[in-house]
Amino acid sequence: MLTVPLRVDRHHPFFFDHPVDHLPGNLLVAGLLGLADDVTGGALRRPDRRLRLAFAFPAFGELEGAVELHCDQTGDTLDLTATQSVGDTVRDICRGTVTVLPGPALPAAGPAAGPGRSGTATLTAPAEPRLVHRADLSTVMLGAPTETPSGEVTCAVLRCPTLAAPGDLREPIEVIEAARQLVLMLGHIANGHPYGVHVVWIDLAADIPAAPPADLPLRVSWRRPAGKSRPRTAFDMGLHAGTTDLGTVRIVTHTMSPAAYRKVRSA
């Protein structure tokens, strides 16, 4: 097993644009995926591979207290855990698996994107920042949403200048972060949640390309289900390039009012 400390940068784009008192789940996933990539010698950044991810978040990660990332490999599957020491207690704040699989050929990128932060062959306007709980427009990773009469919401996946790795390939965490922002947006435009609610990650699962080309236009989509939304909701999203379905992302969240969140955190 390999164990390393997690370095927390509070100016990292994964942190929200308003004060928080816990480590965001996507920051933990990014650190664990980085460790898995190191352990496998770069297998998570190969365009001919795909990743099957499954993570759970059993406890809040505090901003204070050492966080360690652990990775144990068995064949093509990596067991990953983030633990945190708070006082005399060591607890799991994220745990899961990553399986590296052979990936099918990806579609051609097509025409080059125009200037600016574009996720398609033409310029794409970013989503309204507050819909994805951002204040800095450069950290918005979704284009403006469109919805079909059948209830499918689709957004182009943009590139975040402060998150995207240099080179010709995307990082897997870019797709996960775009999906996370879509979940936040859907809470408001589809489920009617007011601004200011707290959205807590419960589970994350994905089956996505490991490293699609940076110039391949990607879209994420979600279809409005029947019935009334609940505080704990599973968002099943698709990843697409043109007419090709590339993968899926499932994020289970629990939405709380500020008062309910404070009550949970003080318990």
C-alpha atoms as a PDB file:
ATOM      1  CA  MET A   1       0.000   0.000   0.000  1.00  0.00           C
ATOM      2  CA  LEU A   2       1.191   3.504  -0.838  1.00  0.00           C
ATOM      3  CA  THR A   3       0.277   6.371   1.503  1.00  0.00           C
ATOM      4  CA  VAL A   4       0.865  10.084   0.882  1.00  0.00           C
ATOM      5  CA  PRO A   5      -0.375  13.302   2.545  1.00  0.00           C
ATOM      6  CA  LEU A   6      -2.959  15.449   0.765  1.00  0.00           C
ATOM      7  CA  ARG A   7      -1.831  19.032   0.325  1.00  0.00           C
ATOM      8  CA  VAL A   8      -4.802  21.374   0.629  1.00  0.00           C
ATOM      9  CA  ASP A   9      -4.723  24.599  -1.387  1.00  0.00           C
ATOM     10  CA  ARG A  10      -7.672  26.765  -0.381  1.00  0.00           C
ATOM     11  CA  HIS A  11      -7.251  28.741  -3.616  1.00  0.00           C
ATOM     12  CA  HIS A  12      -7.710  25.621  -5.744  1.00  0.00           C
ATOM     13  CA  PRO A  13     -10.668  25.907  -8.157  1.00  0.00           C
ATOM     14  CA  PHE A  14     -12.266  22.860  -6.508  1.00  0.00           C
ATOM     15  CA  PHE A  15     -13.030  24.977  -3.480  1.00  0.00           C
ATOM     16  CA  PHE A  16     -16.357  26.770  -3.595  1.00  0.00           C
ATOM     17  CA  ASP A  17     -16.528  30.531  -4.052  1.00  0.00           C
ATOM     18  CA  HIS A  18     -18.032  31.019  -0.595  1.00  0.00           C
ATOM     19  CA  PRO A  19     -16.601  29.927   2.789  1.00  0.00           C
ATOM     20  CA  VAL A  20     -16.866  26.249   3.624  1.00  0.00           C
ATOM     21  CA  ASP A  21     -15.900  24.291   6.708  1.00  0.00           C
ATOM     22  CA  HIS A  22     -15.165  20.953   5.035  1.00  0.00           C
ATOM     23  CA  LEU A  23     -13.085  19.541   2.199  1.00  0.00           C
ATOM     24  CA  PRO A  24     -15.088  19.267  -1.036  1.00  0.00           C
ATOM     25  CA  GLY A  25     -15.557  15.716  -2.275  1.00  0.00           C
ATOM     26  CA  ASN A  26     -14.114  16.476  -5.696  1.00  0.00           C
ATOM     27  CA  LEU A  27     -10.856  17.650  -4.112  1.00  0.00           C
ATOM     28  CA  LEU A  28     -10.547  14.282  -2.372  1.00  0.00           C
ATOM     29  CA  VAL A  29     -11.352  12.410  -5.594  1.00  0.00           C
ATOM     30  CA  ALA A  30      -8.814  14.482  -7.527  1.00  0.00           C
ATOM     31  CA  GLY A  31      -6.112  13.647  -4.996  1.00  0.00           C
ATOM     32  CA  LEU A  32      -6.958   9.931  -5.000  1.00  0.00           C
ATOM     33  CA  LEU A  33      -7.017   9.773  -8.807  1.00  0.00           C
ATOM     34  CA  GLY A  34      -3.644  11.507  -8.899  1.00  0.00           C
ATOM     35  CA  LEU A  35      -2.225   8.926  -6.501  1.00  0.00           C
ATOM     36  CA  ALA A  36      -3.739   6.084  -8.549  1.00  0.00           C
ATOM     37  CA  ASP A  37      -2.177   7.523 -11.693  1.00  0.00           C
ATOM     38  CA  ASP A  38       1.236   7.609 -10.011  1.00  0.00           C
ATOM     39  CA  VAL A  39       0.884   4.027  -8.760  1.00  0.00           C
ATOM     40  CA  THR A  40      -0.061   2.731 -12.217  1.00  0.00           C
ATOM     41  CA  GLY A  41       2.660   4.657 -14.030  1.00  0.00           C
ATOM     42  CA  GLY A  42       0.257   6.980 -15.848  1.00  0.00           C
ATOM     43  CA  ALA A  43      -2.509   4.513 -16.760  1.00  0.00           C
ATOM     44  CA  LEU A  44      -5.164   7.087 -15.861  1.00  0.00           C
ATOM     45  CA  ARG A  45      -3.893   9.451 -18.552  1.00  0.00           C
ATOM     46  CA  ARG A  46      -3.909   7.081 -21.527  1.00  0.00           C
ATOM     47  CA  PRO A  47      -6.372   7.726 -24.371  1.00  0.00           C
ATOM     48  CA  ASP A  48      -6.742   3.972 -24.989  1.00  0.00           C
ATOM     49  CA  ARG A  49      -8.050   3.286 -21.482  1.00  0.00           C
ATOM     50  CA  ARG A  50     -11.320   3.893 -19.648  1.00  0.00           C
ATOM     51  CA  LEU A  51     -11.980   4.125 -15.936  1.00  0.00           C
ATOM     52  CA  ARG A  52     -14.663   2.592 -13.764  1.00  0.00           C
ATOM     53  CA  LEU A  53     -14.940   4.591 -10.542  1.00  0.00           C
ATOM     54  CA  ALA A  54     -16.947   4.050  -7.360  1.00  0.00           C
ATOM     55  CA  PHE A  55     -16.515   6.361  -4.349  1.00  0.00           C
ATOM     56  CA  ALA A  56     -18.411   6.902  -1.109  1.00  0.00           C
ATOM     57  CA  PHE A  57     -18.114   9.792   1.348  1.00  0.00           C
ATOM     58  CA  PRO A  58     -18.875   8.408   4.819  1.00  0.00           C
ATOM     59  CA  ALA A  59     -17.891  11.535   6.793  1.00  0.00           C
ATOM     60  CA  PHE A  60     -17.193  15.233   6.344  1.00  0.00           C
ATOM     61  CA  GLY A  61     -13.575  16.179   5.761  1.00  0.00           C
ATOM     62  CA  GLU A  62     -12.549  19.132   7.916  1.00  0.00           C
ATOM     63  CA  LEU A  63     -10.236  21.900   6.741  1.00  0.00           C
ATOM     64  CA  GLU A  64      -8.129  21.367   9.867  1.00  0.00           C
ATOM     65  CA  GLY A  65      -6.489  17.995  10.436  1.00  0.00           C
ATOM     66  CA  ALA A  66      -3.984  15.965   8.421  1.00  0.00           C
ATOM     67  CA  VAL A  67      -5.405  14.062   5.443  1.00  0.00           C
ATOM     68  CA  GLU A  68      -3.660  10.988   4.073  1.00  0.00           C
ATOM     69  CA  LEU A  69      -4.362   9.236   0.778  1.00  0.00           C
ATOM     70  CA  HIS A  70      -3.950   5.463   0.552  1.00  0.00           C
ATOM     71  CA  CYS A  71      -3.738   3.256  -2.547  1.00  0.00           C
ATOM     72  CA  ASP A  72      -3.540  -0.523  -2.744  1.00  0.00           C
ATOM     73  CA  GLN A  73      -3.477  -2.202  -6.176  1.00  0.00           C
ATOM     74  CA  THR A  74      -4.790  -5.660  -7.029  1.00  0.00           C
ATOM     75  CA  GLY A  75      -4.567  -6.392 -10.740  1.00  0.00           C
ATOM     76  CA  ASP A  76      -6.374  -3.671 -12.689  1.00  0.00           C
ATOM     77  CA  THR A  77      -8.304  -2.416  -9.640  1.00  0.00           C
ATOM     78  CA  LEU A  78      -7.042   0.125  -7.119  1.00  0.00           C
ATOM     79  CA  ASP A  79      -8.514   0.436  -3.621  1.00  0.00           C
ATOM     80  CA  LEU A  80      -8.392   4.066  -2.528  1.00  0.00           C
ATOM     81  CA  THR A  81      -9.040   5.726   0.819  1.00  0.00           C
ATOM     82  CA  ALA A  82      -8.682   9.237   2.222  1.00  0.00           C
ATOM     83  CA  THR A  83      -8.342   9.314   6.009  1.00  0.00           C
ATOM     84  CA  GLN A  84      -8.219  12.302   8.314  1.00  0.00           C
ATOM     85  CA  SER A  85      -6.888  12.761  11.828  1.00  0.00           C
ATOM     86  CA  VAL A  86      -9.116  15.005  13.936  1.00  0.00           C
ATOM     87  CA  GLY A  87      -7.901  15.051  17.528  1.00  0.00           C
ATOM     88  CA  ASP A  88      -7.377  11.441  18.602  1.00  0.00           C
ATOM     89  CA  THR A  89      -9.715  10.090  15.930  1.00  0.00           C
ATOM     90  CA  VAL A  90      -8.732   8.794  12.486  1.00  0.00           C
ATOM     91  CA  ARG A  91     -11.695   8.317  10.151  1.00  0.00           C
ATOM     92  CA  ASP A  92     -12.369   7.556   6.504  1.00  0.00           C
ATOM     93  CA  ILE A  93     -13.719  10.603   4.682  1.00  0.00           C
ATOM     94  CA  CYS A  94     -13.625   9.044   1.199  1.00  0.00           C
ATOM     95  CA  ARG A  95     -13.137   5.496   0.000  1.00  0.00           C
ATOM     96  CA  GLY A  96     -13.618   3.685  -3.261  1.00  0.00           C
ATOM     97  CA  THR A  97     -12.150   1.824  -6.196  1.00  0.00           C
ATOM     98  CA  VAL A  98     -10.818   2.611  -9.642  1.00  0.00           C
ATOM     99  CA  THR A  99     -10.593  -0.077 -12.299  1.00  0.00           C
ATOM    100  CA  VAL A 100      -8.537   0.594 -15.431  1.00  0.00           C
ATOM    101  CA  LEU A 101     -10.015  -1.081 -18.523  1.00  0.00           C
ATOM    102  CA  PRO A 102      -9.206  -1.169 -22.254  1.00  0.00           C
ATOM    103  CA  GLY A 103     -11.046   1.634 -23.981  1.00  0.00           C
ATOM    104  CA  PRO A 104     -12.686   1.757 -27.423  1.00  0.00           C
ATOM    105  CA  ALA A 105     -11.478   4.174 -30.062  1.00  0.00           C
ATOM    106  CA  LEU A 106     -12.837   7.683 -29.555  1.00  0.00           C
ATOM    107  CA  PRO A 107     -14.484   9.677 -32.363  1.00  0.00           C
ATOM    108  CA  ALA A 108     -12.439  12.219 -34.294  1.00  0.00           C
ATOM    109  CA  ALA A 109     -12.290  15.692 -32.795  1.00  0.00           C
ATOM    110  CA  GLY A 110     -13.554  17.449 -35.913  1.00  0.00           C
ATOM    111  CA  PRO A 111     -13.048  21.184 -36.534  1.00  0.00           C
ATOM    112  CA  ALA A 112     -10.874  23.041 -34.092  1.00  0.00           C
ATOM    113  CA  ALA A 113     -12.637  25.102 -31.475  1.00  0.00           C
ATOM    114  CA  GLY A 114     -12.795  28.839 -31.901  1.00  0.00           C
ATOM    115  CA  PRO A 115     -10.945  31.249 -29.622  1.00  0.00           C
ATOM    116  CA  GLY A 116     -11.837  31.429 -25.950  1.00  0.00           C
ATOM    117  CA  ARG A 117     -13.150  28.833 -23.518  1.00  0.00           C
ATOM    118  CA  SER A 118     -15.033  26.589 -25.890  1.00  0.00           C
ATOM    119  CA  GLY A 119     -16.154  23.017 -25.454  1.00  0.00           C
ATOM    120  CA  THR A 120     -17.502  22.590 -28.994  1.00  0.00           C
ATOM    121  CA  ALA A 121     -16.434  23.371 -32.541  1.00  0.00           C
ATOM    122  CA  THR A 122     -18.059  26.777 -32.136  1.00  0.00           C
ATOM    123  CA  LEU A 123     -17.948  29.215 -29.259  1.00  0.00           C
ATOM    124  CA  THR A 124     -20.129  28.155 -26.342  1.00  0.00           C
ATOM    125  CA  ALA A 125     -21.394  30.605 -23.758  1.00  0.00           C
ATOM    126  CA  PRO A 126     -20.686  29.449 -20.196  1.00  0.00           C
ATOM    127  CA  ALA A 127     -23.523  28.802 -17.806  1.00  0.00           C
ATOM    128  CA  GLU A 128     -24.541  31.479 -15.322  1.00  0.00           C
ATOM    129  CA  PRO A 129     -21.908  31.238 -12.550  1.00  0.00           C
ATOM    130  CA  ARG A 130     -24.319  31.193  -9.629  1.00  0.00           C
ATOM    131  CA  LEU A 131     -26.171  28.226 -11.155  1.00  0.00           C
ATOM    132  CA  VAL A 132     -23.047  26.150 -10.508  1.00  0.00           C
ATOM    133  CA  HIS A 133     -22.129  27.915  -7.245  1.00  0.00           C
ATOM    134  CA  ARG A 134     -19.163  29.770  -8.750  1.00  0.00           C
ATOM    135  CA  ALA A 135     -18.180  33.422  -8.665  1.00  0.00           C
ATOM    136  CA  ASP A 136     -15.167  33.231 -10.988  1.00  0.00           C
ATOM    137  CA  LEU A 137     -16.367  32.749 -14.575  1.00  0.00           C
ATOM    138  CA  SER A 138     -13.086  31.030 -15.499  1.00  0.00           C
ATOM    139  CA  THR A 139     -13.988  28.098 -13.225  1.00  0.00           C
ATOM    140  CA  VAL A 140     -17.383  27.451 -14.868  1.00  0.00           C
ATOM    141  CA  MET A 141     -17.032  24.210 -16.850  1.00  0.00           C
ATOM    142  CA  LEU A 142     -20.484  24.029 -18.437  1.00  0.00           C
ATOM    143  CA  GLY A 143     -21.995  25.759 -21.415  1.00  0.00           C
ATOM    144  CA  ALA A 144     -25.456  27.267 -21.169  1.00  0.00           C
ATOM    145  CA  PRO A 145     -28.033  24.461 -20.738  1.00  0.00           C
ATOM    146  CA  THR A 146     -30.571  23.418 -23.365  1.00  0.00           C
ATOM    147  CA  GLU A 147     -33.611  21.240 -22.701  1.00  0.00           C
ATOM    148  CA  THR A 148     -35.564  19.171 -25.210  1.00  0.00           C
ATOM    149  CA  PRO A 149     -39.367  18.705 -25.042  1.00  0.00           C
ATOM    150  CA  SER A 150     -38.716  15.204 -23.673  1.00  0.00           C
ATOM    151  CA  GLY A 151     -36.915  16.688 -20.662  1.00  0.00           C
ATOM    152  CA  GLU A 152     -33.250  16.049 -21.534  1.00  0.00           C
ATOM    153  CA  VAL A 153     -30.921  18.787 -20.271  1.00  0.00           C
ATOM    154  CA  THR A 154     -27.589  19.057 -22.109  1.00  0.00           C
ATOM    155  CA  CYS A 155     -24.506  21.250 -21.594  1.00  0.00           C
ATOM    156  CA  ALA A 156     -21.204  21.495 -23.426  1.00  0.00           C
ATOM    157  CA  VAL A 157     -18.174  20.632 -21.287  1.00  0.00           C
ATOM    158  CA  LEU A 158     -15.824  23.605 -21.221  1.00  0.00           C
ATOM    159  CA  ARG A 159     -12.213  23.604 -20.082  1.00  0.00           C
ATOM    160  CA  CYS A 160     -11.335  25.327 -16.834  1.00  0.00           C
ATOM    161  CA  PRO A 161      -8.009  27.164 -17.391  1.00  0.00           C
ATOM    162  CA  THR A 162      -6.950  26.680 -13.768  1.00  0.00           C
ATOM    163  CA  LEU A 163      -7.889  22.978 -13.735  1.00  0.00           C
ATOM    164  CA  ALA A 164      -7.043  21.608 -17.183  1.00  0.00           C
ATOM    165  CA  ALA A 165      -3.681  19.891 -17.386  1.00  0.00           C
ATOM    166  CA  PRO A 166      -1.274  21.111 -20.077  1.00  0.00           C
ATOM    167  CA  GLY A 167      -1.135  18.957 -23.173  1.00  0.00           C
ATOM    168  CA  ASP A 168      -3.531  17.391 -25.641  1.00  0.00           C
ATOM    169  CA  LEU A 169      -5.538  15.188 -23.246  1.00  0.00           C
ATOM    170  CA  ARG A 170      -8.205  15.865 -20.629  1.00  0.00           C
ATOM    171  CA  GLU A 171      -7.880  14.700 -17.040  1.00  0.00           C
ATOM    172  CA  PRO A 172     -10.655  12.360 -15.776  1.00  0.00           C
ATOM    173  CA  ILE A 173     -11.373  14.818 -12.949  1.00  0.00           C
ATOM    174  CA  GLU A 174     -12.406  17.403 -15.580  1.00  0.00           C
ATOM    175  CA  VAL A 175     -15.377  15.239 -16.559  1.00  0.00           C
ATOM    176  CA  ILE A 176     -16.259  14.603 -12.913  1.00  0.00           C
ATOM    177  CA  GLU A 177     -16.112  18.303 -12.072  1.00  0.00           C
ATOM    178  CA  ALA A 178     -18.320  19.157 -15.068  1.00  0.00           C
ATOM    179  CA  ALA A 179     -20.831  16.547 -13.871  1.00  0.00           C
ATOM    180  CA  ARG A 180     -20.697  17.977 -10.345  1.00  0.00           C
ATOM    181  CA  GLN A 181     -21.469  21.451 -11.681  1.00  0.00           C
ATOM    182  CA  LEU A 182     -24.375  20.026 -13.693  1.00  0.00           C
ATOM    183  CA  VAL A 183     -25.799  18.505 -10.492  1.00  0.00           C
ATOM    184  CA  LEU A 184     -25.629  21.896  -8.775  1.00  0.00           C
ATOM    185  CA  MET A 185     -27.331  23.545 -11.749  1.00  0.00           C
ATOM    186  CA  LEU A 186     -30.073  20.910 -11.880  1.00  0.00           C
ATOM    187  CA  GLY A 187     -30.825  21.458  -8.229  1.00  0.00           C
ATOM    188  CA  HIS A 188     -31.933  24.977  -9.132  1.00  0.00           C
ATOM    189  CA  ILE A 189     -33.352  24.761 -12.668  1.00  0.00           C
ATOM    190  CA  ALA A 190     -34.946  21.284 -12.393  1.00  0.00           C
ATOM    191  CA  ASN A 191     -35.619  20.704  -8.706  1.00  0.00           C
ATOM    192  CA  GLY A 192     -36.360  24.273  -7.670  1.00  0.00           C
ATOM    193  CA  HIS A 193     -33.877  24.522  -4.797  1.00  0.00           C
ATOM    194  CA  PRO A 194     -33.217  28.103  -3.631  1.00  0.00           C
ATOM    195  CA  TYR A 195     -29.743  29.583  -3.754  1.00  0.00           C
ATOM    196  CA  GLY A 196     -27.767  29.099  -0.565  1.00  0.00           C
ATOM    197  CA  VAL A 197     -28.570  25.410  -0.008  1.00  0.00           C
ATOM    198  CA  HIS A 198     -25.814  22.948   0.877  1.00  0.00           C
ATOM    199  CA  VAL A 199     -25.291  20.032  -1.515  1.00  0.00           C
ATOM    200  CA  VAL A 200     -23.469  17.142   0.149  1.00  0.00           C
ATOM    201  CA  TRP A 201     -21.933  14.279  -1.828  1.00  0.00           C
ATOM    202  CA  ILE A 202     -23.004  10.775  -0.781  1.00  0.00           C
ATOM    203  CA  ASP A 203     -21.733   8.561  -3.630  1.00  0.00           C
ATOM    204  CA  LEU A 204     -19.974   8.943  -6.969  1.00  0.00           C
ATOM    205  CA  ALA A 205     -19.817   6.320  -9.717  1.00  0.00           C
ATOM    206  CA  ALA A 206     -18.525   6.739 -13.263  1.00  0.00           C
ATOM    207  CA  ASP A 207     -17.570   4.791 -16.369  1.00  0.00           C
ATOM    208  CA  ILE A 208     -15.663   7.269 -18.534  1.00  0.00           C
ATOM    209  CA  PRO A 209     -12.727   7.534 -20.960  1.00  0.00           C
ATOM    210  CA  ALA A 210      -9.474   7.926 -19.066  1.00  0.00           C
ATOM    211  CA  ALA A 211      -8.091  10.756 -21.175  1.00  0.00           C
ATOM    212  CA  PRO A 212     -10.172  11.998 -24.130  1.00  0.00           C
ATOM    213  CA  PRO A 213      -8.497  14.466 -26.507  1.00  0.00           C
ATOM    214  CA  ALA A 214      -8.650  18.037 -25.242  1.00  0.00           C
ATOM    215  CA  ASP A 215     -10.124  19.234 -28.547  1.00  0.00           C
ATOM    216  CA  LEU A 216     -12.880  16.579 -28.644  1.00  0.00           C
ATOM    217  CA  PRO A 217     -16.186  18.410 -28.083  1.00  0.00           C
ATOM    218  CA  LEU A 218     -17.861  16.810 -25.060  1.00  0.00           C
ATOM    219  CA  ARG A 219     -21.384  17.177 -23.677  1.00  0.00           C
ATOM    220  CA  VAL A 220     -22.991  16.034 -20.439  1.00  0.00           C
ATOM    221  CA  SER A 221     -26.697  15.276 -20.292  1.00  0.00           C
ATOM    222  CA  TRP A 222     -29.412  14.377 -17.791  1.00  0.00           C
ATOM    223  CA  ARG A 223     -33.017  13.341 -18.370  1.00  0.00           C
ATOM    224  CA  ARG A 224     -35.718  14.656 -16.070  1.00  0.00           C
ATOM    225  CA  PRO A 225     -37.241  11.674 -14.204  1.00  0.00           C
ATOM    226  CA  ALA A 226     -40.887  11.253 -13.374  1.00  0.00           C
ATOM    227  CA  GLY A 227     -42.044  12.120  -9.886  1.00  0.00           C
ATOM    228  CA  LYS A 228     -41.129  14.700  -7.288  1.00  0.00           C
ATOM    229  CA  SER A 229     -37.508  15.349  -6.368  1.00  0.00           C
ATOM    230  CA  ARG A 230     -36.304  14.401  -2.895  1.00  0.00           C
ATOM    231  CA  PRO A 231     -33.532  15.843  -0.702  1.00  0.00           C
ATOM    232  CA  ARG A 232     -31.425  12.753  -1.395  1.00  0.00           C
ATOM    233  CA  THR A 233     -31.276  12.431  -5.161  1.00  0.00           C
ATOM    234  CA  ALA A 234     -29.336  10.266  -7.611  1.00  0.00           C
ATOM    235  CA  PHE A 235     -28.358  12.151 -10.759  1.00  0.00           C
ATOM    236  CA  ASP A 236     -27.601   9.818 -13.684  1.00  0.00           C
ATOM    237  CA  MET A 237     -25.729  11.677 -16.413  1.00  0.00           C
ATOM    238  CA  GLY A 238     -24.358  10.767 -19.814  1.00  0.00           C
ATOM    239  CA  LEU A 239     -21.121  11.846 -21.494  1.00  0.00           C
ATOM    240  CA  HIS A 240     -21.242  12.317 -25.266  1.00  0.00           C
ATOM    241  CA  ALA A 241     -19.162  13.422 -28.245  1.00  0.00           C
ATOM    242  CA  GLY A 242     -21.328  14.172 -31.264  1.00  0.00           C
ATOM    243  CA  THR A 243     -23.687  11.202 -31.655  1.00  0.00           C
ATOM    244  CA  THR A 244     -21.373   8.858 -29.709  1.00  0.00           C
ATOM    245  CA  ASP A 245     -22.129   7.921 -26.099  1.00  0.00           C
ATOM    246  CA  LEU A 246     -18.815   7.890 -24.249  1.00  0.00           C
ATOM    247  CA  GLY A 247     -19.770   7.066 -20.691  1.00  0.00           C
ATOM    248  CA  THR A 248     -21.846   7.728 -17.606  1.00  0.00           C
ATOM    249  CA  VAL A 249     -21.526   9.556 -14.295  1.00  0.00           C
ATOM    250  CA  ARG A 250     -23.812   9.024 -11.301  1.00  0.00           C
ATOM    251  CA  ILE A 251     -23.693  11.392  -8.336  1.00  0.00           C
ATOM    252  CA  VAL A 252     -25.880  10.889  -5.273  1.00  0.00           C
ATOM    253  CA  THR A 253     -26.332  14.034  -3.194  1.00  0.00           C
ATOM    254  CA  HIS A 254     -28.259  15.237  -0.182  1.00  0.00           C
ATOM    255  CA  THR A 255     -29.515  18.825  -0.296  1.00  0.00           C
ATOM    256  CA  MET A 256     -29.933  20.695   2.985  1.00  0.00           C
ATOM    257  CA  SER A 257     -31.086  24.124   4.021  1.00  0.00           C
ATOM    258  CA  PRO A 258     -28.446  26.199   5.865  1.00  0.00           C
ATOM    259  CA  ALA A 259     -30.257  25.518   9.159  1.00  0.00           C
ATOM    260  CA  ALA A 260     -30.370  21.758   8.562  1.00  0.00           C
ATOM    261  CA  TYR A 261     -26.718  21.743   7.550  1.00  0.00           C
ATOM    262  CA  ARG A 262     -25.668  23.603  10.719  1.00  0.00           C
ATOM    263  CA  LYS A 263     -27.644  21.100  12.793  1.00  0.00           C
ATOM    264  CA  VAL A 264     -25.921  18.132  11.144  1.00  0.00           C
ATOM    265  CA  ARG A 265     -22.473  19.693  11.524  1.00  0.00           C
ATOM    266  CA  SER A 266     -22.992  20.469  15.203  1.00  0.00           C
ATOM    267  CA  ALA A 267     -24.285  16.981  16.071  1.00  0.00           C
END
